[in-house]
Amino acid sequence: QVQLVESGGGLVQPGGSLRLSCAASGFTLDNYGVSWYRQAPGKEREGVSCISSADDSTYYPNSVKGRFTISRDNAKDTVYLQMMRAKPEDTAVYYCAQISGNYWGQGTQVTVSS
């Protein structure tokens, strides 16, 4: 069974850093692209990053470009999202997903506040 389990969320001050992890099981991680999404109260779910399976190319929207970095460690079956220079508007529940199969994790809360 495919499972994606996020961890690493919590409280971070504006300008701070946080690393989220997504532990994958039930599929071969290096054969699939994985994405990170977030959803803040009153907003639609927003894609914040993805990493491809073909060449490990990465994608970021303007809202996080230059601040977030996605990476994968296939040996550990884990995808990471490194958040840098956090902003209050980054506050959301963050999810990882294998989009091709519509598999989603349960989410991890990130709160950016002083």
N, C-alpha and C. Protein backbone atom coordinates (compact mmCIF):
# COMPACT_ATOMS: atom_id res chain seq x y z
N GLN A 1 0.84 -1.18 0.00
CA GLN A 1 0.00 0.00 0.00
C GLN A 1 0.88 1.24 0.00
N VAL A 2 0.54 2.18 -0.85
CA VAL A 2 1.29 3.42 -0.92
C VAL A 2 0.99 4.27 0.30
N GLN A 3 2.05 4.75 0.92
CA GLN A 3 1.92 5.66 2.05
C GLN A 3 2.93 6.78 1.92
N LEU A 4 2.50 7.96 2.28
CA LEU A 4 3.36 9.13 2.34
C LEU A 4 3.12 9.78 3.70
N VAL A 5 4.18 9.95 4.46
CA VAL A 5 4.06 10.46 5.82
C VAL A 5 4.97 11.67 5.97
N GLU A 6 4.35 12.82 6.18
CA GLU A 6 5.10 14.06 6.37
C GLU A 6 5.50 14.23 7.83
N SER A 7 6.61 14.90 8.04
CA SER A 7 7.05 15.24 9.38
C SER A 7 7.94 16.48 9.29
N GLY A 8 8.23 17.05 10.44
CA GLY A 8 9.15 18.17 10.49
C GLY A 8 8.50 19.52 10.64
N GLY A 9 7.19 19.57 10.59
CA GLY A 9 6.51 20.84 10.76
C GLY A 9 6.60 21.34 12.19
N GLY A 10 6.20 22.58 12.37
CA GLY A 10 6.23 23.18 13.68
C GLY A 10 6.22 24.68 13.58
N LEU A 11 6.64 25.31 14.66
CA LEU A 11 6.67 26.77 14.75
C LEU A 11 8.06 27.28 14.39
N VAL A 12 8.10 28.25 13.52
CA VAL A 12 9.36 28.87 13.13
C VAL A 12 9.15 30.37 13.06
N GLN A 13 10.16 31.12 13.45
CA GLN A 13 10.07 32.57 13.40
C GLN A 13 10.26 33.08 11.97
N PRO A 14 9.69 34.23 11.65
CA PRO A 14 9.94 34.82 10.34
C PRO A 14 11.44 34.95 10.09
N GLY A 15 11.84 34.56 8.90
CA GLY A 15 13.25 34.55 8.55
C GLY A 15 13.97 33.27 8.90
N GLY A 16 13.32 32.39 9.62
CA GLY A 16 13.93 31.15 10.04
C GLY A 16 13.84 30.06 8.99
N SER A 17 14.32 28.89 9.37
CA SER A 17 14.39 27.75 8.46
C SER A 17 13.73 26.54 9.08
N LEU A 18 13.26 25.67 8.20
CA LEU A 18 12.62 24.44 8.63
C LEU A 18 12.78 23.43 7.51
N ARG A 19 12.99 22.18 7.87
CA ARG A 19 13.06 21.12 6.87
C ARG A 19 11.95 20.11 7.10
N LEU A 20 11.14 19.94 6.08
CA LEU A 20 10.08 18.95 6.11
C LEU A 20 10.54 17.67 5.44
N SER A 21 10.05 16.55 5.93
CA SER A 21 10.38 15.26 5.36
C SER A 21 9.11 14.54 4.93
N CYS A 22 9.23 13.75 3.90
CA CYS A 22 8.14 12.92 3.42
C CYS A 22 8.68 11.52 3.23
N ALA A 23 8.28 10.63 4.11
CA ALA A 23 8.70 9.23 4.03
C ALA A 23 7.73 8.46 3.16
N ALA A 24 8.24 7.84 2.12
CA ALA A 24 7.42 7.14 1.14
C ALA A 24 7.58 5.64 1.28
N SER A 25 6.50 4.93 1.06
CA SER A 25 6.54 3.48 1.04
C SER A 25 5.46 2.96 0.10
N GLY A 26 5.62 1.73 -0.34
CA GLY A 26 4.64 1.12 -1.20
C GLY A 26 4.86 1.35 -2.69
N PHE A 27 5.89 2.08 -3.02
CA PHE A 27 6.24 2.28 -4.43
C PHE A 27 7.72 2.62 -4.51
N THR A 28 8.25 2.49 -5.70
CA THR A 28 9.66 2.80 -5.92
C THR A 28 9.81 4.30 -6.10
N LEU A 29 10.39 4.93 -5.11
CA LEU A 29 10.41 6.38 -5.08
C LEU A 29 11.09 6.98 -6.30
N ASP A 30 12.18 6.39 -6.75
CA ASP A 30 12.92 7.00 -7.85
C ASP A 30 12.24 6.83 -9.20
N ASN A 31 11.11 6.16 -9.26
CA ASN A 31 10.37 6.02 -10.51
C ASN A 31 9.22 7.01 -10.64
N TYR A 32 9.02 7.84 -9.64
CA TYR A 32 7.89 8.76 -9.65
C TYR A 32 8.31 10.15 -9.21
N GLY A 33 7.67 11.12 -9.81
CA GLY A 33 7.82 12.47 -9.32
C GLY A 33 7.03 12.67 -8.04
N VAL A 34 7.51 13.54 -7.20
CA VAL A 34 6.85 13.84 -5.94
C VAL A 34 6.72 15.35 -5.80
N SER A 35 5.60 15.78 -5.28
CA SER A 35 5.33 17.20 -5.13
C SER A 35 5.03 17.54 -3.68
N TRP A 36 5.27 18.79 -3.34
CA TRP A 36 4.82 19.37 -2.08
C TRP A 36 3.74 20.40 -2.38
N TYR A 37 2.69 20.34 -1.59
CA TYR A 37 1.60 21.29 -1.65
C TYR A 37 1.37 21.87 -0.27
N ARG A 38 0.70 22.99 -0.23
CA ARG A 38 0.32 23.55 1.06
C ARG A 38 -1.09 24.12 0.96
N GLN A 39 -1.74 24.17 2.10
CA GLN A 39 -3.07 24.74 2.16
C GLN A 39 -3.20 25.56 3.43
N ALA A 40 -3.47 26.83 3.24
CA ALA A 40 -3.67 27.75 4.34
C ALA A 40 -5.17 27.97 4.54
N PRO A 41 -5.57 28.39 5.73
CA PRO A 41 -6.99 28.64 5.97
C PRO A 41 -7.58 29.62 4.95
N GLY A 42 -8.70 29.25 4.38
CA GLY A 42 -9.38 30.11 3.43
C GLY A 42 -8.79 30.13 2.04
N LYS A 43 -7.80 29.31 1.80
CA LYS A 43 -7.15 29.28 0.49
C LYS A 43 -7.21 27.89 -0.11
N GLU A 44 -7.10 27.85 -1.42
CA GLU A 44 -7.01 26.59 -2.12
C GLU A 44 -5.62 25.99 -1.94
N ARG A 45 -5.55 24.70 -2.11
CA ARG A 45 -4.27 24.03 -2.03
C ARG A 45 -3.35 24.54 -3.14
N GLU A 46 -2.11 24.83 -2.77
CA GLU A 46 -1.16 25.44 -3.67
C GLU A 46 0.07 24.55 -3.81
N GLY A 47 0.47 24.27 -5.03
CA GLY A 47 1.70 23.56 -5.24
C GLY A 47 2.89 24.44 -4.95
N VAL A 48 3.84 23.94 -4.18
CA VAL A 48 5.01 24.73 -3.82
C VAL A 48 6.31 24.15 -4.36
N SER A 49 6.29 22.92 -4.81
CA SER A 49 7.50 22.34 -5.37
C SER A 49 7.21 20.96 -5.92
N CYS A 50 8.02 20.54 -6.86
CA CYS A 50 7.98 19.15 -7.29
C CYS A 50 9.35 18.77 -7.80
N ILE A 51 9.61 17.48 -7.79
CA ILE A 51 10.86 16.95 -8.29
C ILE A 51 10.53 15.78 -9.20
N SER A 52 11.11 15.77 -10.37
CA SER A 52 10.78 14.76 -11.35
C SER A 52 11.55 13.47 -11.11
N SER A 53 11.04 12.39 -11.67
CA SER A 53 11.73 11.11 -11.59
C SER A 53 12.74 10.94 -12.70
N ALA A 54 12.50 11.59 -13.84
CA ALA A 54 13.34 11.38 -15.01
C ALA A 54 14.74 11.93 -14.83
N ASP A 55 14.83 13.15 -14.34
CA ASP A 55 16.13 13.81 -14.27
C ASP A 55 16.34 14.61 -13.00
N ASP A 56 15.46 14.46 -12.03
CA ASP A 56 15.52 15.20 -10.77
C ASP A 56 15.42 16.70 -10.95
N SER A 57 14.85 17.12 -12.06
CA SER A 57 14.60 18.54 -12.23
C SER A 57 13.55 19.00 -11.22
N THR A 58 13.62 20.25 -10.84
CA THR A 58 12.75 20.77 -9.80
C THR A 58 11.99 21.98 -10.31
N TYR A 59 10.87 22.25 -9.66
CA TYR A 59 10.00 23.34 -10.07
C TYR A 59 9.47 24.06 -8.84
N TYR A 60 9.36 25.37 -8.94
CA TYR A 60 8.88 26.18 -7.84
C TYR A 60 8.04 27.33 -8.37
N PRO A 61 6.97 27.65 -7.69
CA PRO A 61 6.23 28.86 -8.05
C PRO A 61 6.94 30.09 -7.52
N ASN A 62 6.55 31.24 -8.01
CA ASN A 62 7.20 32.47 -7.61
C ASN A 62 7.08 32.75 -6.11
N SER A 63 6.03 32.24 -5.49
CA SER A 63 5.82 32.51 -4.08
C SER A 63 6.90 31.93 -3.19
N VAL A 64 7.59 30.89 -3.66
CA VAL A 64 8.61 30.25 -2.83
C VAL A 64 9.95 30.17 -3.53
N LYS A 65 10.02 30.52 -4.78
CA LYS A 65 11.26 30.40 -5.54
C LYS A 65 12.39 31.18 -4.86
N GLY A 66 13.52 30.52 -4.73
CA GLY A 66 14.66 31.12 -4.08
C GLY A 66 14.69 30.90 -2.58
N ARG A 67 13.61 30.41 -2.01
CA ARG A 67 13.55 30.18 -0.57
C ARG A 67 13.36 28.70 -0.22
N PHE A 68 12.67 27.96 -1.06
CA PHE A 68 12.40 26.55 -0.80
C PHE A 68 13.24 25.69 -1.74
N THR A 69 13.65 24.55 -1.24
CA THR A 69 14.40 23.60 -2.05
C THR A 69 13.86 22.19 -1.81
N ILE A 70 13.52 21.51 -2.88
CA ILE A 70 13.08 20.13 -2.78
C ILE A 70 14.24 19.21 -3.15
N SER A 71 14.33 18.09 -2.47
CA SER A 71 15.35 17.10 -2.77
C SER A 71 14.82 15.72 -2.42
N ARG A 72 15.52 14.72 -2.90
CA ARG A 72 15.11 13.35 -2.59
C ARG A 72 16.32 12.51 -2.25
N ASP A 73 16.10 11.55 -1.39
CA ASP A 73 17.10 10.57 -1.03
C ASP A 73 16.46 9.21 -1.26
N ASN A 74 16.71 8.63 -2.40
CA ASN A 74 16.06 7.38 -2.76
C ASN A 74 16.45 6.23 -1.83
N ALA A 75 17.67 6.26 -1.33
CA ALA A 75 18.10 5.22 -0.42
C ALA A 75 17.30 5.23 0.87
N LYS A 76 16.84 6.40 1.27
CA LYS A 76 16.04 6.53 2.47
C LYS A 76 14.54 6.61 2.18
N ASP A 77 14.17 6.53 0.92
CA ASP A 77 12.76 6.65 0.51
C ASP A 77 12.13 7.91 1.08
N THR A 78 12.86 9.00 0.99
CA THR A 78 12.42 10.23 1.60
C THR A 78 12.61 11.41 0.65
N VAL A 79 11.63 12.28 0.64
CA VAL A 79 11.69 13.55 -0.07
C VAL A 79 11.68 14.67 0.97
N TYR A 80 12.46 15.69 0.73
CA TYR A 80 12.59 16.78 1.68
C TYR A 80 12.13 18.09 1.06
N LEU A 81 11.68 18.98 1.91
CA LEU A 81 11.44 20.35 1.52
C LEU A 81 12.15 21.25 2.52
N GLN A 82 13.21 21.89 2.06
CA GLN A 82 13.94 22.83 2.90
C GLN A 82 13.34 24.22 2.73
N MET A 83 12.87 24.77 3.81
CA MET A 83 12.27 26.09 3.80
C MET A 83 13.25 27.08 4.41
N MET A 84 13.55 28.13 3.67
CA MET A 84 14.47 29.16 4.12
C MET A 84 13.77 30.51 4.13
N ARG A 85 14.24 31.39 4.98
CA ARG A 85 13.70 32.75 5.07
C ARG A 85 12.17 32.70 5.12
N ALA A 86 11.69 31.96 6.07
CA ALA A 86 10.25 31.75 6.19
C ALA A 86 9.51 33.06 6.39
N LYS A 87 8.34 33.11 5.80
CA LYS A 87 7.46 34.27 5.90
C LYS A 87 6.15 33.86 6.56
N PRO A 88 5.47 34.80 7.20
CA PRO A 88 4.18 34.46 7.80
C PRO A 88 3.20 33.84 6.81
N GLU A 89 3.25 34.26 5.56
CA GLU A 89 2.35 33.71 4.56
C GLU A 89 2.68 32.27 4.18
N ASP A 90 3.79 31.76 4.68
CA ASP A 90 4.10 30.34 4.48
C ASP A 90 3.33 29.45 5.45
N THR A 91 2.65 30.04 6.40
CA THR A 91 1.88 29.26 7.36
C THR A 91 0.80 28.46 6.64
N ALA A 92 0.81 27.17 6.83
CA ALA A 92 -0.11 26.28 6.14
C ALA A 92 0.13 24.86 6.60
N VAL A 93 -0.76 23.98 6.20
CA VAL A 93 -0.51 22.56 6.30
C VAL A 93 0.19 22.14 5.01
N TYR A 94 1.30 21.46 5.15
CA TYR A 94 2.10 21.04 4.00
C TYR A 94 1.91 19.56 3.76
N TYR A 95 1.70 19.21 2.50
CA TYR A 95 1.46 17.84 2.09
C TYR A 95 2.45 17.43 1.03
N CYS A 96 2.87 16.18 1.06
CA CYS A 96 3.58 15.63 -0.08
C CYS A 96 2.64 14.70 -0.83
N ALA A 97 2.90 14.55 -2.11
CA ALA A 97 2.00 13.79 -2.95
C ALA A 97 2.74 13.15 -4.11
N GLN A 98 2.34 11.95 -4.45
CA GLN A 98 2.71 11.33 -5.70
C GLN A 98 1.51 11.54 -6.61
N ILE A 99 1.60 12.54 -7.43
CA ILE A 99 0.44 13.02 -8.17
C ILE A 99 -0.08 11.99 -9.17
N SER A 100 0.81 11.26 -9.81
CA SER A 100 0.37 10.32 -10.84
C SER A 100 -0.61 9.29 -10.31
N GLY A 101 -0.48 8.92 -9.06
CA GLY A 101 -1.39 7.97 -8.45
C GLY A 101 -2.38 8.59 -7.51
N ASN A 102 -2.36 9.91 -7.39
CA ASN A 102 -3.23 10.64 -6.49
C ASN A 102 -3.07 10.15 -5.05
N TYR A 103 -1.82 9.98 -4.65
CA TYR A 103 -1.52 9.59 -3.28
C TYR A 103 -1.03 10.80 -2.51
N TRP A 104 -1.58 10.97 -1.32
CA TRP A 104 -1.28 12.13 -0.48
C TRP A 104 -0.95 11.71 0.93
N GLY A 105 -0.08 12.47 1.56
CA GLY A 105 0.15 12.29 2.97
C GLY A 105 -0.90 12.99 3.79
N GLN A 106 -0.76 12.89 5.10
CA GLN A 106 -1.76 13.47 6.00
C GLN A 106 -1.50 14.94 6.29
N GLY A 107 -0.32 15.42 5.97
CA GLY A 107 0.03 16.81 6.17
C GLY A 107 0.76 17.07 7.47
N THR A 108 1.55 18.13 7.46
CA THR A 108 2.23 18.58 8.66
C THR A 108 2.09 20.10 8.75
N GLN A 109 1.78 20.58 9.94
CA GLN A 109 1.50 22.00 10.12
C GLN A 109 2.78 22.79 10.24
N VAL A 110 2.86 23.87 9.49
CA VAL A 110 3.95 24.84 9.60
C VAL A 110 3.34 26.18 9.99
N THR A 111 3.84 26.76 11.05
CA THR A 111 3.38 28.06 11.51
C THR A 111 4.57 28.99 11.59
N VAL A 112 4.50 30.09 10.86
CA VAL A 112 5.57 31.08 10.86
C VAL A 112 5.06 32.29 11.63
N SER A 113 5.61 32.50 12.79
CA SER A 113 5.14 33.56 13.67
C SER A 113 6.22 33.90 14.68
N SER A 114 6.26 35.15 15.07
CA SER A 114 7.16 35.57 16.12
C SER A 114 6.52 35.49 17.49
